[in-house]
Amino acid sequence: MIELREVGVTVPGAAPGLPPRALLTDVTLTLPERRIAVIGANGSGKSTLLRLLNGLVLPSRGQVRVDGLDTVTEGSAVRRAVGFVFTDPLAQLVMPTPIEDVELSLRRTLRRDVRRARASELLAAYGLAPLQHSSVYDLSGGERQLVALVSVLAVEPRIIVADEPTTLLDLRNRNRIRDELSRLDQQLVVATHDLELAQDADRVLVVEGGRVVADAAPDEAIAAYVELVSR
């Protein structure tokens, strides 16, 4: 269960003498649903909201708890429970090849002598076996995003948070990632501009100006968002 109570996030002003800037204001949510989408314009605060869920961003006010764990005082445990998939997979693929990157993730849970075989097995499950020794820079955008997802799933988190995972992809790879996300056993929270992907969710949050301005089933929330951006 993900819970946010009166959460605010404030950052210093962009230049000396400028006032602090609020990225999120008074967000209170309880998120038990299996599939949750977060939609909103660029700069609305949706990425900040997602980053709160695994402690990449800490609240300036209020409290964020994941399965009872406080992201401020129990951050390491939260990050073990919550896997984060970035918009740009190159922001999180730190090793030269897919198999090395998945092995790196497995260092927390498996002995060194069994990591390579397990990494290979995980990549094969996603159709990536032929690419496991390729440079990550030689992969397509969709292949990189799949490798990033496998690296996150390797440590078996209970929750997956994905920040616009299809934004940089063409239609074929967007559909592939959408299909893979739909098959996950874990709870999924995804920020997206892709309204078809949002339609797959059980619940959709609309963020605008650092506030949750709509919170409903997909059809209702997406309609509210379309009306908002049409004004």
Protein backbone atom coordinates (compact mmCIF):
# COMPACT_ATOMS: atom_id res chain seq x y z
CA MET A 1 0.00 0.00 0.00
CA ILE A 2 1.29 3.44 -0.96
CA GLU A 3 0.19 6.34 1.23
CA LEU A 4 0.91 10.06 0.95
CA ARG A 5 -0.29 12.38 3.71
CA GLU A 6 -0.34 16.16 3.16
CA VAL A 7 2.83 15.93 1.10
CA GLY A 8 4.59 18.99 -0.28
CA VAL A 9 7.86 19.31 -2.15
CA THR A 10 9.62 22.67 -2.28
CA VAL A 11 12.95 23.53 -3.91
CA PRO A 12 15.10 26.67 -3.64
CA GLY A 13 14.49 29.51 -6.07
CA ALA A 14 16.16 29.29 -9.46
CA ALA A 15 18.52 32.13 -8.57
CA PRO A 16 19.72 33.85 -5.38
CA GLY A 17 17.03 36.08 -3.98
CA LEU A 18 14.15 34.29 -5.67
CA PRO A 19 11.56 32.61 -3.43
CA PRO A 20 11.36 28.82 -3.06
CA ARG A 21 9.31 26.99 -5.67
CA ALA A 22 6.63 24.43 -4.83
CA LEU A 23 6.75 21.32 -7.04
CA LEU A 24 3.92 19.57 -5.18
CA THR A 25 1.41 20.93 -2.69
CA ASP A 26 -0.86 19.14 -0.19
CA VAL A 27 -1.00 15.74 -1.87
CA THR A 28 -2.93 13.13 0.12
CA LEU A 29 -3.45 9.75 -1.53
CA THR A 30 -3.94 6.10 -0.66
CA LEU A 31 -3.04 3.87 -3.62
CA PRO A 32 -4.07 0.21 -3.26
CA GLU A 33 -4.96 -0.41 -6.92
CA ARG A 34 -2.88 -2.77 -9.04
CA ARG A 35 -2.51 -0.35 -11.98
CA ILE A 36 -2.32 3.42 -11.47
CA ALA A 37 -1.53 6.00 -14.15
CA VAL A 38 -0.46 9.59 -13.55
CA ILE A 39 -1.03 12.08 -16.36
CA GLY A 40 -0.35 15.78 -16.72
CA ALA A 41 1.49 18.35 -18.77
CA ASN A 42 5.26 18.76 -18.70
CA GLY A 43 6.22 20.52 -15.48
CA SER A 44 2.95 19.63 -13.75
CA GLY A 45 4.66 17.65 -10.97
CA LYS A 46 3.90 14.10 -12.05
CA SER A 47 7.57 13.02 -12.19
CA THR A 48 8.15 14.53 -8.75
CA LEU A 49 5.16 12.56 -7.47
CA LEU A 50 6.58 9.32 -8.84
CA ARG A 51 10.05 9.97 -7.44
CA LEU A 52 8.55 10.37 -3.98
CA LEU A 53 7.40 6.77 -4.10
CA ASN A 54 10.87 5.24 -3.85
CA GLY A 55 12.69 8.04 -2.06
CA LEU A 56 14.45 9.58 -5.06
CA VAL A 57 12.73 12.77 -3.88
CA LEU A 58 11.94 13.32 -0.22
CA PRO A 59 8.94 15.32 0.99
CA SER A 60 9.56 18.80 2.33
CA ARG A 61 6.35 18.39 4.31
CA GLY A 62 4.10 15.47 5.10
CA GLN A 63 4.84 11.77 4.90
CA VAL A 64 5.17 9.09 2.22
CA ARG A 65 4.85 5.45 3.29
CA VAL A 66 5.17 2.29 1.21
CA ASP A 67 3.88 -0.87 2.86
CA GLY A 68 4.30 0.95 6.16
CA LEU A 69 7.88 2.05 5.42
CA ASP A 70 8.67 5.76 5.67
CA THR A 71 10.67 7.00 2.68
CA VAL A 72 12.65 9.43 4.84
CA THR A 73 13.68 7.16 7.71
CA GLU A 74 13.59 3.78 5.92
CA GLY A 75 14.76 4.77 2.46
CA SER A 76 16.92 1.70 1.79
CA ALA A 77 14.08 -0.67 2.56
CA VAL A 78 11.70 1.39 0.39
CA ARG A 79 14.10 1.23 -2.56
CA ARG A 80 14.30 -2.54 -2.22
CA ALA A 81 10.51 -2.70 -2.39
CA VAL A 82 10.02 -0.17 -5.19
CA GLY A 83 11.78 -0.51 -8.55
CA PHE A 84 12.05 2.65 -10.67
CA VAL A 85 12.12 2.71 -14.48
CA PHE A 86 13.31 6.01 -15.99
CA THR A 87 12.11 7.70 -19.18
CA ASP A 88 15.55 7.37 -20.78
CA PRO A 89 16.99 3.89 -20.17
CA LEU A 90 20.53 5.22 -20.65
CA ALA A 91 19.99 7.14 -17.41
CA GLN A 92 19.95 3.84 -15.53
CA LEU A 93 21.93 1.36 -17.68
CA VAL A 94 25.37 1.85 -16.18
CA MET A 95 27.21 -1.22 -17.48
CA PRO A 96 28.46 -1.79 -21.05
CA THR A 97 26.24 -4.76 -21.91
CA PRO A 98 22.78 -6.01 -20.90
CA ILE A 99 24.07 -9.08 -19.09
CA GLU A 100 26.50 -7.01 -17.04
CA ASP A 101 23.78 -4.54 -16.11
CA VAL A 102 21.42 -7.26 -14.91
CA GLU A 103 24.29 -8.89 -13.02
CA LEU A 104 24.91 -5.59 -11.29
CA SER A 105 21.32 -5.52 -10.07
CA LEU A 106 21.63 -9.10 -8.81
CA ARG A 107 24.65 -8.32 -6.65
CA ARG A 108 22.28 -7.46 -3.81
CA THR A 109 20.52 -10.82 -3.82
CA LEU A 110 22.73 -13.53 -5.35
CA ARG A 111 26.24 -14.89 -4.95
CA ARG A 112 28.72 -13.85 -7.63
CA ASP A 113 29.09 -17.38 -9.00
CA VAL A 114 25.41 -17.68 -9.93
CA ARG A 115 24.66 -14.13 -11.10
CA ARG A 116 25.67 -14.54 -14.74
CA ALA A 117 23.46 -17.58 -15.33
CA ARG A 118 20.51 -15.90 -13.66
CA ALA A 119 21.04 -12.68 -15.62
CA SER A 120 21.11 -14.66 -18.87
CA GLU A 121 17.93 -16.49 -17.89
CA LEU A 122 16.10 -13.25 -17.13
CA LEU A 123 17.13 -11.62 -20.40
CA ALA A 124 16.07 -14.72 -22.34
CA ALA A 125 12.62 -14.54 -20.76
CA TYR A 126 12.15 -11.17 -22.47
CA GLY A 127 13.57 -12.27 -25.82
CA LEU A 128 16.87 -10.50 -25.23
CA ALA A 129 19.23 -13.49 -25.16
CA PRO A 130 20.78 -12.69 -28.58
CA LEU A 131 21.60 -9.17 -27.36
CA GLN A 132 22.95 -9.95 -23.91
CA HIS A 133 26.60 -9.29 -24.86
CA SER A 134 25.90 -6.35 -27.20
CA SER A 135 26.80 -2.79 -26.29
CA VAL A 136 23.78 -1.01 -24.81
CA TYR A 137 24.54 1.79 -27.29
CA ASP A 138 23.91 -0.60 -30.19
CA LEU A 139 20.41 -1.49 -28.98
CA SER A 140 17.22 0.15 -30.18
CA GLY A 141 15.29 2.38 -27.80
CA GLY A 142 12.78 -0.37 -27.11
CA GLU A 143 15.50 -2.94 -26.46
CA ARG A 144 17.21 -0.59 -24.03
CA GLN A 145 13.95 0.04 -22.20
CA LEU A 146 13.35 -3.71 -21.94
CA VAL A 147 16.86 -4.24 -20.54
CA ALA A 148 16.23 -1.46 -18.01
CA LEU A 149 12.96 -3.13 -17.01
CA VAL A 150 14.66 -6.53 -16.64
CA SER A 151 17.39 -4.96 -14.47
CA VAL A 152 14.71 -3.55 -12.19
CA LEU A 153 12.67 -6.77 -12.09
CA ALA A 154 15.77 -8.86 -11.36
CA VAL A 155 15.63 -7.99 -7.65
CA GLU A 156 11.90 -8.80 -7.43
CA PRO A 157 10.49 -5.51 -6.13
CA ARG A 158 6.90 -5.51 -4.94
CA ILE A 159 6.07 -2.28 -6.77
CA ILE A 160 7.21 -0.90 -10.14
CA VAL A 161 7.22 2.85 -10.74
CA ALA A 162 7.77 3.88 -14.37
CA ASP A 163 8.28 7.51 -15.40
CA GLU A 164 7.07 7.97 -18.98
CA PRO A 165 8.58 4.64 -20.13
CA THR A 166 7.24 4.90 -23.70
CA THR A 167 7.94 8.59 -24.42
CA LEU A 168 11.14 8.04 -26.44
CA LEU A 169 9.85 5.01 -28.37
CA ASP A 170 8.36 4.46 -31.79
CA LEU A 171 4.93 2.86 -32.09
CA ARG A 172 6.16 -0.73 -32.33
CA ASN A 173 8.39 -0.47 -29.28
CA ARG A 174 5.80 1.56 -27.38
CA ASN A 175 3.33 -1.28 -27.89
CA ARG A 176 5.90 -3.85 -26.80
CA ILE A 177 6.67 -2.00 -23.57
CA ARG A 178 2.94 -1.47 -22.98
CA ASP A 179 2.37 -5.21 -23.33
CA GLU A 180 5.22 -6.07 -20.97
CA LEU A 181 3.95 -3.62 -18.34
CA SER A 182 0.47 -5.12 -18.59
CA ARG A 183 1.87 -8.56 -17.75
CA LEU A 184 3.65 -7.54 -14.56
CA ASP A 185 2.55 -9.23 -11.36
CA GLN A 186 3.70 -6.22 -9.32
CA GLN A 187 1.68 -3.14 -8.56
CA LEU A 188 2.48 -0.58 -11.26
CA VAL A 189 2.44 3.20 -11.01
CA VAL A 190 3.20 4.84 -14.35
CA ALA A 191 3.45 8.49 -15.39
CA THR A 192 2.65 8.93 -19.04
CA HIS A 193 1.60 11.24 -21.86
CA ASP A 194 0.25 8.17 -23.66
CA LEU A 195 -3.48 8.22 -23.01
CA GLU A 196 -3.89 4.69 -24.40
CA LEU A 197 -1.42 3.46 -21.79
CA ALA A 198 -3.31 5.42 -19.13
CA GLN A 199 -6.51 3.73 -20.29
CA ASP A 200 -5.03 0.37 -19.17
CA ALA A 201 -4.98 1.54 -15.54
CA ASP A 202 -7.51 0.87 -12.80
CA ARG A 203 -7.19 4.46 -11.57
CA VAL A 204 -5.84 7.65 -13.13
CA LEU A 205 -4.51 10.72 -11.34
CA VAL A 206 -4.34 14.06 -13.16
CA VAL A 207 -1.63 16.42 -11.89
CA GLU A 208 -1.59 20.13 -12.66
CA GLY A 209 0.37 22.89 -10.96
CA GLY A 210 1.73 20.52 -8.34
CA ARG A 211 -1.70 19.33 -7.23
CA VAL A 212 -3.83 16.28 -7.97
CA VAL A 213 -6.80 17.90 -9.71
CA ALA A 214 -8.62 14.74 -10.79
CA ASP A 215 -8.61 11.20 -9.42
CA ALA A 216 -10.97 8.73 -11.03
CA ALA A 217 -11.44 5.76 -13.34
CA PRO A 218 -9.62 6.15 -16.68
CA ASP A 219 -12.48 7.47 -18.82
CA GLU A 220 -13.47 10.17 -16.33
CA ALA A 221 -9.93 11.23 -15.45
CA ILE A 222 -8.72 11.32 -19.05
CA ALA A 223 -11.77 13.40 -20.05
CA ALA A 224 -10.94 15.84 -17.24
CA TYR A 225 -7.36 16.07 -18.48
CA VAL A 226 -8.38 16.66 -22.09
CA GLU A 227 -10.74 19.43 -20.94
CA LEU A 228 -7.97 20.94 -18.82
CA VAL A 229 -5.45 21.15 -21.65
CA SER A 230 -8.09 22.44 -24.08
CA ARG A 231 -8.79 25.58 -22.07
